[in-house]
PDB file of N, CA and C in Angstrom:
ATOM      1  N   MET A   1      -0.472 131.570 101.191  1.00  0.00           N
ATOM      2  CA  MET A   1       0.814 131.362 100.468  1.00  0.00           C
ATOM      3  C   MET A   1       1.688 130.493 100.468  1.00  0.00           C
ATOM      4  N   ASN A   2       1.926 129.548  99.640  1.00  0.00           N
ATOM      5  CA  ASN A   2       3.221 128.708  99.972  1.00  0.00           C
ATOM      6  C   ASN A   2       4.577 129.087  99.276  1.00  0.00           C
ATOM      7  N   VAL A   3       5.502 128.651  99.845  1.00  0.00           N
ATOM      8  CA  VAL A   3       6.861 128.924  99.099  1.00  0.00           C
ATOM      9  C   VAL A   3       7.288 127.675  98.861  1.00  0.00           C
ATOM     10  N   SER A   4       7.860 127.808  97.595  1.00  0.00           N
ATOM     11  CA  SER A   4       8.764 126.733  97.013  1.00  0.00           C
ATOM     12  C   SER A   4      10.204 126.654  97.483  1.00  0.00           C
ATOM     13  N   ARG A   5      10.534 125.307  97.467  1.00  0.00           N
ATOM     14  CA  ARG A   5      12.159 124.943  97.634  1.00  0.00           C
ATOM     15  C   ARG A   5      13.057 126.231  97.249  1.00  0.00           C
ATOM     16  N   ASP A   6      12.767 126.381  95.805  1.00  0.00           N
ATOM     17  CA  ASP A   6      13.597 127.387  95.113  1.00  0.00           C
ATOM     18  C   ASP A   6      13.580 129.004  95.928  1.00  0.00           C
ATOM     19  N   THR A   7      12.185 129.320  96.169  1.00  0.00           N
ATOM     20  CA  THR A   7      11.728 130.550  96.683  1.00  0.00           C
ATOM     21  C   THR A   7      12.549 130.682  97.934  1.00  0.00           C
ATOM     22  N   ALA A   8      12.186 129.517  98.650  1.00  0.00           N
ATOM     23  CA  ALA A   8      13.370 129.584 100.187  1.00  0.00           C
ATOM     24  C   ALA A   8      14.742 129.560  99.954  1.00  0.00           C
ATOM     25  N   GLU A   9      15.137 129.224  99.130  1.00  0.00           N
ATOM     26  CA  GLU A   9      16.307 129.425  99.041  1.00  0.00           C
ATOM     27  C   GLU A   9      16.982 130.784  98.580  1.00  0.00           C
ATOM     28  N   ILE A  10      16.263 131.248  97.745  1.00  0.00           N
ATOM     29  CA  ILE A  10      16.579 132.653  97.285  1.00  0.00           C
ATOM     30  C   ILE A  10      16.384 133.452  98.833  1.00  0.00           C
ATOM     31  N   VAL A  11      15.178 133.245  99.327  1.00  0.00           N
ATOM     32  CA  VAL A  11      15.021 134.298 100.761  1.00  0.00           C
ATOM     33  C   VAL A  11      15.995 133.917 101.728  1.00  0.00           C
ATOM     34  N   GLY A  12      16.492 132.616 101.631  1.00  0.00           N
ATOM     35  CA  GLY A  12      17.607 132.287 102.688  1.00  0.00           C
ATOM     36  C   GLY A  12      19.009 133.094 102.137  1.00  0.00           C
ATOM     37  N   LEU A  13      19.148 133.086 100.707  1.00  0.00           N
ATOM     38  CA  LEU A  13      20.566 133.847 100.391  1.00  0.00           C
ATOM     39  C   LEU A  13      20.073 135.380 100.659  1.00  0.00           C
ATOM     40  N   GLN A  14      18.852 135.727 100.424  1.00  0.00           N
ATOM     41  CA  GLN A  14      18.786 137.372 100.823  1.00  0.00           C
ATOM     42  C   GLN A  14      18.825 137.633 102.141  1.00  0.00           C
ATOM     43  N   ALA A  15      18.612 136.606 103.073  1.00  0.00           N
ATOM     44  CA  ALA A  15      18.778 136.717 104.451  1.00  0.00           C
ATOM     45  C   ALA A  15      19.960 136.869 104.892  1.00  0.00           C
ATOM     46  N   VAL A  16      21.152 135.971 104.245  1.00  0.00           N
ATOM     47  CA  VAL A  16      22.607 135.925 104.575  1.00  0.00           C
ATOM     48  C   VAL A  16      23.202 137.250 104.038  1.00  0.00           C
ATOM     49  N   ALA A  17      22.651 137.824 102.784  1.00  0.00           N
ATOM     50  CA  ALA A  17      23.402 138.949 102.123  1.00  0.00           C
ATOM     51  C   ALA A  17      22.956 140.335 103.130  1.00  0.00           C
ATOM     52  N   TRP A  18      21.264 140.274 103.632  1.00  0.00           N
ATOM     53  CA  TRP A  18      21.041 141.056 104.519  1.00  0.00           C
ATOM     54  C   TRP A  18      21.834 141.159 105.573  1.00  0.00           C
ATOM     55  N   LEU A  19      22.104 140.045 106.378  1.00  0.00           N
ATOM     56  CA  LEU A  19      22.887 140.150 107.621  1.00  0.00           C
ATOM     57  C   LEU A  19      24.025 140.405 107.481  1.00  0.00           C
ATOM     58  N   ALA A  20      24.785 140.145 106.462  1.00  0.00           N
ATOM     59  CA  ALA A  20      26.109 140.381 106.285  1.00  0.00           C
ATOM     60  C   ALA A  20      26.324 142.043 105.910  1.00  0.00           C
ATOM     61  N   SER A  21      25.208 142.839 105.391  1.00  0.00           N
ATOM     62  CA  SER A  21      25.435 144.248 105.221  1.00  0.00           C
ATOM     63  C   SER A  21      25.074 144.980 106.539  1.00  0.00           C
ATOM     64  N   ASN A  22      24.501 144.309 107.441  1.00  0.00           N
ATOM     65  CA  ASN A  22      23.802 144.841 108.719  1.00  0.00           C
ATOM     66  C   ASN A  22      25.086 145.211 109.812  1.00  0.00           C
ATOM     67  N   ASP A  23      25.687 146.134 109.728  1.00  0.00           N
ATOM     68  CA  ASP A  23      27.014 146.361 110.837  1.00  0.00           C
ATOM     69  C   ASP A  23      26.571 146.330 112.158  1.00  0.00           C
ATOM     70  N   GLU A  24      25.279 146.490 112.674  1.00  0.00           N
ATOM     71  CA  GLU A  24      24.985 146.094 113.865  1.00  0.00           C
ATOM     72  C   GLU A  24      24.525 144.823 114.223  1.00  0.00           C
ATOM     73  N   LEU A  25      23.825 144.021 113.442  1.00  0.00           N
ATOM     74  CA  LEU A  25      23.341 142.938 113.690  1.00  0.00           C
ATOM     75  C   LEU A  25      24.543 141.613 113.474  1.00  0.00           C
ATOM     76  N   LEU A  26      25.452 141.671 112.192  1.00  0.00           N
ATOM     77  CA  LEU A  26      26.113 140.877 111.967  1.00  0.00           C
ATOM     78  C   LEU A  26      27.082 140.429 113.096  1.00  0.00           C
ATOM     79  N   PRO A  27      27.655 141.410 114.116  1.00  0.00           N
ATOM     80  CA  PRO A  27      28.562 140.887 115.035  1.00  0.00           C
ATOM     81  C   PRO A  27      27.825 139.992 116.300  1.00  0.00           C
ATOM     82  N   VAL A  28      26.553 140.416 116.194  1.00  0.00           N
ATOM     83  CA  VAL A  28      25.678 139.625 117.261  1.00  0.00           C
ATOM     84  C   VAL A  28      25.433 138.330 116.653  1.00  0.00           C
ATOM     85  N   PHE A  29      25.371 138.141 115.420  1.00  0.00           N
ATOM     86  CA  PHE A  29      25.060 136.686 114.705  1.00  0.00           C
ATOM     87  C   PHE A  29      26.320 136.003 114.921  1.00  0.00           C
ATOM     88  N   LEU A  30      27.243 136.654 114.679  1.00  0.00           N
ATOM     89  CA  LEU A  30      28.839 135.644 114.729  1.00  0.00           C
ATOM     90  C   LEU A  30      29.219 135.582 116.204  1.00  0.00           C
ATOM     91  N   GLY A  31      28.958 136.330 117.210  1.00  0.00           N
ATOM     92  CA  GLY A  31      29.065 136.110 118.532  1.00  0.00           C
ATOM     93  C   GLY A  31      28.403 135.382 119.148  1.00  0.00           C
ATOM     94  N   SER A  32      27.072 135.107 118.641  1.00  0.00           N
ATOM     95  CA  SER A  32      26.161 133.980 119.040  1.00  0.00           C
ATOM     96  C   SER A  32      26.226 132.652 118.672  1.00  0.00           C
ATOM     97  N   THR A  33      26.699 132.753 117.590  1.00  0.00           N
ATOM     98  CA  THR A  33      26.927 131.373 116.731  1.00  0.00           C
ATOM     99  C   THR A  33      28.373 130.974 116.845  1.00  0.00           C
ATOM    100  N   GLY A  34      29.208 131.650 117.048  1.00  0.00           N
ATOM    101  CA  GLY A  34      30.729 131.219 116.683  1.00  0.00           C
ATOM    102  C   GLY A  34      30.871 131.056 115.280  1.00  0.00           C
ATOM    103  N   ALA A  35      30.320 131.551 114.318  1.00  0.00           N
ATOM    104  CA  ALA A  35      30.373 131.509 112.940  1.00  0.00           C
ATOM    105  C   ALA A  35      31.569 132.544 112.567  1.00  0.00           C
ATOM    106  N   SER A  36      32.189 132.432 111.728  1.00  0.00           N
ATOM    107  CA  SER A  36      33.241 133.623 110.887  1.00  0.00           C
ATOM    108  C   SER A  36      32.847 134.201 109.823  1.00  0.00           C
ATOM    109  N   VAL A  37      33.262 135.454 109.279  1.00  0.00           N
ATOM    110  CA  VAL A  37      32.879 135.892 108.222  1.00  0.00           C
ATOM    111  C   VAL A  37      33.100 135.099 107.067  1.00  0.00           C
ATOM    112  N   ASP A  38      34.229 134.290 107.332  1.00  0.00           N
ATOM    113  CA  ASP A  38      34.403 133.271 106.234  1.00  0.00           C
ATOM    114  C   ASP A  38      33.345 132.228 106.078  1.00  0.00           C
ATOM    115  N   ASP A  39      32.886 131.739 107.215  1.00  0.00           N
ATOM    116  CA  ASP A  39      31.909 130.822 107.287  1.00  0.00           C
ATOM    117  C   ASP A  39      30.539 131.491 106.528  1.00  0.00           C
ATOM    118  N   LEU A  40      30.478 132.786 106.777  1.00  0.00           N
ATOM    119  CA  LEU A  40      29.268 133.471 106.042  1.00  0.00           C
ATOM    120  C   LEU A  40      29.234 133.539 104.398  1.00  0.00           C
ATOM    121  N   ARG A  41      30.584 133.742 104.160  1.00  0.00           N
ATOM    122  CA  ARG A  41      30.925 133.688 102.810  1.00  0.00           C
ATOM    123  C   ARG A  41      30.679 131.952 102.227  1.00  0.00           C
ATOM    124  N   SER A  42      31.059 131.167 102.950  1.00  0.00           N
ATOM    125  CA  SER A  42      31.028 129.928 102.150  1.00  0.00           C
ATOM    126  C   SER A  42      29.718 129.376 102.477  1.00  0.00           C
ATOM    127  N   GLY A  43      28.913 129.760 103.368  1.00  0.00           N
ATOM    128  CA  GLY A  43      27.532 129.428 103.557  1.00  0.00           C
ATOM    129  C   GLY A  43      26.476 130.189 102.689  1.00  0.00           C
ATOM    130  N   LEU A  44      26.945 130.915 101.687  1.00  0.00           N
ATOM    131  CA  LEU A  44      26.055 131.541 100.807  1.00  0.00           C
ATOM    132  C   LEU A  44      24.858 130.617 100.203  1.00  0.00           C
ATOM    133  N   GLN A  45      25.686 129.492  99.840  1.00  0.00           N
ATOM    134  CA  GLN A  45      24.841 128.658  98.871  1.00  0.00           C
ATOM    135  C   GLN A  45      24.454 127.412  99.747  1.00  0.00           C
ATOM    136  N   ASP A  46      24.720 127.101 100.814  1.00  0.00           N
ATOM    137  CA  ASP A  46      24.138 126.160 101.436  1.00  0.00           C
ATOM    138  C   ASP A  46      22.829 126.447 102.262  1.00  0.00           C
ATOM    139  N   PRO A  47      21.939 125.784 102.083  1.00  0.00           N
ATOM    140  CA  PRO A  47      20.470 125.857 102.541  1.00  0.00           C
ATOM    141  C   PRO A  47      20.389 125.720 104.081  1.00  0.00           C
ATOM    142  N   GLY A  48      21.253 124.928 104.304  1.00  0.00           N
ATOM    143  CA  GLY A  48      21.456 124.601 105.793  1.00  0.00           C
ATOM    144  C   GLY A  48      21.870 125.801 106.636  1.00  0.00           C
ATOM    145  N   PHE A  49      22.844 126.568 106.157  1.00  0.00           N
ATOM    146  CA  PHE A  49      23.328 127.844 106.655  1.00  0.00           C
ATOM    147  C   PHE A  49      22.327 129.095 106.485  1.00  0.00           C
ATOM    148  N   GLN A  50      21.566 128.766 105.433  1.00  0.00           N
ATOM    149  CA  GLN A  50      20.732 129.880 105.042  1.00  0.00           C
ATOM    150  C   GLN A  50      19.495 129.846 106.075  1.00  0.00           C
ATOM    151  N   GLY A  51      19.296 128.537 106.348  1.00  0.00           N
ATOM    152  CA  GLY A  51      17.966 128.335 107.569  1.00  0.00           C
ATOM    153  C   GLY A  51      18.554 128.976 108.921  1.00  0.00           C
ATOM    154  N   ALA A  52      19.802 128.524 109.173  1.00  0.00           N
ATOM    155  CA  ALA A  52      20.225 129.079 110.474  1.00  0.00           C
ATOM    156  C   ALA A  52      20.432 130.438 110.439  1.00  0.00           C
ATOM    157  N   VAL A  53      20.412 131.163 109.542  1.00  0.00           N
ATOM    158  CA  VAL A  53      20.220 132.597 109.446  1.00  0.00           C
ATOM    159  C   VAL A  53      18.981 133.226 109.604  1.00  0.00           C
ATOM    160  N   LEU A  54      18.078 132.455 108.790  1.00  0.00           N
ATOM    161  CA  LEU A  54      16.690 132.654 109.087  1.00  0.00           C
ATOM    162  C   LEU A  54      16.107 132.558 110.406  1.00  0.00           C
ATOM    163  N   ASP A  55      16.725 131.324 110.996  1.00  0.00           N
ATOM    164  CA  ASP A  55      16.361 131.245 112.383  1.00  0.00           C
ATOM    165  C   ASP A  55      16.842 132.372 113.405  1.00  0.00           C
ATOM    166  N   PHE A  56      18.067 132.739 113.193  1.00  0.00           N
ATOM    167  CA  PHE A  56      18.451 133.935 113.772  1.00  0.00           C
ATOM    168  C   PHE A  56      17.792 135.155 113.834  1.00  0.00           C
ATOM    169  N   ILE A  57      17.114 135.568 112.531  1.00  0.00           N
ATOM    170  CA  ILE A  57      16.492 136.531 112.346  1.00  0.00           C
ATOM    171  C   ILE A  57      14.955 136.497 112.843  1.00  0.00           C
ATOM    172  N   LEU A  58      14.587 135.197 112.755  1.00  0.00           N
ATOM    173  CA  LEU A  58      13.327 135.080 113.280  1.00  0.00           C
ATOM    174  C   LEU A  58      12.991 135.209 114.640  1.00  0.00           C
ATOM    175  N   MET A  59      13.993 135.179 115.572  1.00  0.00           N
ATOM    176  CA  MET A  59      14.297 135.470 117.046  1.00  0.00           C
ATOM    177  C   MET A  59      13.559 136.556 117.370  1.00  0.00           C
ATOM    178  N   ASP A  60      13.636 137.882 116.600  1.00  0.00           N
ATOM    179  CA  ASP A  60      13.090 139.333 116.748  1.00  0.00           C
ATOM    180  C   ASP A  60      12.609 139.833 115.946  1.00  0.00           C
ATOM    181  N   ASP A  61      11.126 140.038 116.274  1.00  0.00           N
ATOM    182  CA  ASP A  61      10.180 141.016 115.442  1.00  0.00           C
ATOM    183  C   ASP A  61      10.594 142.078 114.771  1.00  0.00           C
ATOM    184  N   ALA A  62      11.504 142.745 115.343  1.00  0.00           N
ATOM    185  CA  ALA A  62      12.246 144.193 114.626  1.00  0.00           C
ATOM    186  C   ALA A  62      13.019 143.770 113.785  1.00  0.00           C
ATOM    187  N   TRP A  63      13.771 142.483 113.750  1.00  0.00           N
ATOM    188  CA  TRP A  63      14.686 141.886 112.917  1.00  0.00           C
ATOM    189  C   TRP A  63      14.146 141.589 111.444  1.00  0.00           C
ATOM    190  N   ILE A  64      12.735 140.787 111.919  1.00  0.00           N
ATOM    191  CA  ILE A  64      11.982 140.105 110.794  1.00  0.00           C
ATOM    192  C   ILE A  64      11.676 141.449 110.026  1.00  0.00           C
ATOM    193  N   GLU A  65      10.973 142.373 110.759  1.00  0.00           N
ATOM    194  CA  GLU A  65      10.353 143.669 110.087  1.00  0.00           C
ATOM    195  C   GLU A  65      11.627 144.412 109.275  1.00  0.00           C
ATOM    196  N   GLN A  66      12.806 144.545 109.803  1.00  0.00           N
ATOM    197  CA  GLN A  66      13.739 145.009 109.178  1.00  0.00           C
ATOM    198  C   GLN A  66      14.307 144.326 107.791  1.00  0.00           C
ATOM    199  N   PHE A  67      14.519 143.192 107.837  1.00  0.00           N
ATOM    200  CA  PHE A  67      14.667 142.330 106.793  1.00  0.00           C
ATOM    201  C   PHE A  67      13.728 142.282 105.635  1.00  0.00           C
ATOM    202  N   CYS A  68      12.568 142.431 105.910  1.00  0.00           N
ATOM    203  CA  CYS A  68      11.201 142.156 105.015  1.00  0.00           C
ATOM    204  C   CYS A  68      10.903 143.519 104.390  1.00  0.00           C
ATOM    205  N   THR A  69      10.987 144.615 105.000  1.00  0.00           N
ATOM    206  CA  THR A  69      11.076 145.762 104.741  1.00  0.00           C
ATOM    207  C   THR A  69      12.189 146.017 103.688  1.00  0.00           C
ATOM    208  N   ALA A  70      13.634 145.931 103.948  1.00  0.00           N
ATOM    209  CA  ALA A  70      14.581 145.907 103.089  1.00  0.00           C
ATOM    210  C   ALA A  70      14.605 145.228 101.564  1.00  0.00           C
ATOM    211  N   ARG A  71      13.827 144.065 101.739  1.00  0.00           N
ATOM    212  CA  ARG A  71      13.782 143.105 100.839  1.00  0.00           C
ATOM    213  C   ARG A  71      12.381 143.045  99.856  1.00  0.00           C
ATOM    214  N   ASP A  72      11.520 143.800 100.504  1.00  0.00           N
ATOM    215  CA  ASP A  72      10.130 144.131  99.993  1.00  0.00           C
ATOM    216  C   ASP A  72       9.388 142.763 100.073  1.00  0.00           C
ATOM    217  N   LEU A  73       9.327 142.105 101.402  1.00  0.00           N
ATOM    218  CA  LEU A  73       8.668 140.730 101.696  1.00  0.00           C
ATOM    219  C   LEU A  73       7.645 140.969 102.565  1.00  0.00           C
ATOM    220  N   SER A  74       6.661 140.025 102.658  1.00  0.00           N
ATOM    221  CA  SER A  74       5.781 139.941 103.531  1.00  0.00           C
ATOM    222  C   SER A  74       6.113 139.424 104.806  1.00  0.00           C
ATOM    223  N   PRO A  75       5.793 139.882 105.990  1.00  0.00           N
ATOM    224  CA  PRO A  75       6.352 139.495 106.988  1.00  0.00           C
ATOM    225  C   PRO A  75       6.311 137.828 107.552  1.00  0.00           C
ATOM    226  N   GLU A  76       5.372 137.128 106.662  1.00  0.00           N
ATOM    227  CA  GLU A  76       5.252 135.673 106.943  1.00  0.00           C
ATOM    228  C   GLU A  76       6.181 134.985 105.993  1.00  0.00           C
ATOM    229  N   THR A  77       7.029 135.332 105.047  1.00  0.00           N
ATOM    230  CA  THR A  77       7.867 135.025 104.133  1.00  0.00           C
ATOM    231  C   THR A  77       8.906 134.207 104.654  1.00  0.00           C
ATOM    232  N   PRO A  78       9.815 134.935 105.714  1.00  0.00           N
ATOM    233  CA  PRO A  78      10.853 134.219 106.344  1.00  0.00           C
ATOM    234  C   PRO A  78      10.554 133.032 106.963  1.00  0.00           C
ATOM    235  N   ARG A  79       9.261 132.986 107.540  1.00  0.00           N
ATOM    236  CA  ARG A  79       8.969 131.712 108.498  1.00  0.00           C
ATOM    237  C   ARG A  79       8.571 130.723 107.332  1.00  0.00           C
ATOM    238  N   MET A  80       8.096 131.040 106.307  1.00  0.00           N
ATOM    239  CA  MET A  80       7.387 129.985 105.282  1.00  0.00           C
ATOM    240  C   MET A  80       8.660 129.441 104.437  1.00  0.00           C
ATOM    241  N   ALA A  81       9.848 130.256 104.234  1.00  0.00           N
ATOM    242  CA  ALA A  81      11.027 129.868 103.731  1.00  0.00           C
ATOM    243  C   ALA A  81      11.796 129.125 104.702  1.00  0.00           C
ATOM    244  N   ARG A  82      11.915 129.332 105.867  1.00  0.00           N
ATOM    245  CA  ARG A  82      12.395 128.484 106.778  1.00  0.00           C
ATOM    246  C   ARG A  82      12.148 127.220 106.951  1.00  0.00           C
ATOM    247  N   ALA A  83      10.654 126.911 106.896  1.00  0.00           N
ATOM    248  CA  ALA A  83      10.107 125.678 107.051  1.00  0.00           C
ATOM    249  C   ALA A  83      10.561 124.853 105.787  1.00  0.00           C
ATOM    250  N   MET A  84      10.748 125.616 104.460  1.00  0.00           N
ATOM    251  CA  MET A  84      11.164 124.766 103.420  1.00  0.00           C
ATOM    252  C   MET A  84      12.809 124.258 103.479  1.00  0.00           C
ATOM    253  N   LEU A  85      13.501 124.855 104.335  1.00  0.00           N
ATOM    254  CA  LEU A  85      14.766 124.684 104.172  1.00  0.00           C
ATOM    255  C   LEU A  85      15.367 123.467 105.187  1.00  0.00           C
ATOM    256  N   PRO A  86      16.685 122.748 105.068  1.00  0.00           N
ATOM    257  CA  PRO A  86      16.918 121.634 105.961  1.00  0.00           C
ATOM    258  C   PRO A  86      16.733 122.299 107.434  1.00  0.00           C
ATOM    259  N   GLY A  87      16.408 121.096 108.014  1.00  0.00           N
ATOM    260  CA  GLY A  87      16.020 121.514 109.565  1.00  0.00           C
ATOM    261  C   GLY A  87      14.591 122.563 109.895  1.00  0.00           C
ATOM    262  N   GLY A  88      13.854 122.718 108.971  1.00  0.00           N
ATOM    263  CA  GLY A  88      12.836 123.667 109.175  1.00  0.00           C
ATOM    264  C   GLY A  88      11.627 123.046 109.511  1.00  0.00           C
ATOM    265  N   GLY A  89      11.315 122.047 109.559  1.00  0.00           N
ATOM    266  CA  GLY A  89      10.251 121.372 109.611  1.00  0.00           C
ATOM    267  C   GLY A  89       9.477 121.728 111.171  1.00  0.00           C
ATOM    268  N   GLU A  90       8.233 121.575 111.247  1.00  0.00           N
ATOM    269  CA  GLU A  90       7.772 121.943 112.492  1.00  0.00           C
ATOM    270  C   GLU A  90       8.219 120.922 113.802  1.00  0.00           C
ATOM    271  N   VAL A  91       8.491 121.677 114.768  1.00  0.00           N
ATOM    272  CA  VAL A  91       8.735 120.922 115.945  1.00  0.00           C
ATOM    273  C   VAL A  91       7.364 120.438 116.558  1.00  0.00           C
ATOM    274  N   HIS A  92       7.541 119.141 116.833  1.00  0.00           N
ATOM    275  CA  HIS A  92       6.493 118.412 117.671  1.00  0.00           C
ATOM    276  C   HIS A  92       6.873 118.018 118.900  1.00  0.00           C
ATOM    277  N   TRP A  93       6.389 118.729 119.853  1.00  0.00           N
ATOM    278  CA  TRP A  93       6.679 118.327 121.388  1.00  0.00           C
ATOM    279  C   TRP A  93       5.868 117.439 121.795  1.00  0.00           C
ATOM    280  N   THR A  94       6.360 116.301 121.912  1.00  0.00           N
ATOM    281  CA  THR A  94       5.429 115.093 122.700  1.00  0.00           C
ATOM    282  C   THR A  94       5.966 114.476 124.124  1.00  0.00           C
TER     283      THR A  94
END
């Protein structure tokens, strides 16, 4: 299954909304990134910020599972969406 850019942005927006509503994980994100709640609000429509939130969620299998369960997504969807957002291309280590 491929994810279009539009779908990736929807998943990114869902990720930001999910993170904002997660009382346990939101402070971890804010503390580790230096972002503020205002940054979270202003980044809602920014595909680059959405990608950063997906990067954060993708760091832990439990977070991915919680997000996908809450949004009724397959576990592969966040990774595919991340690849379609700015900065999400595969890294080639040479």
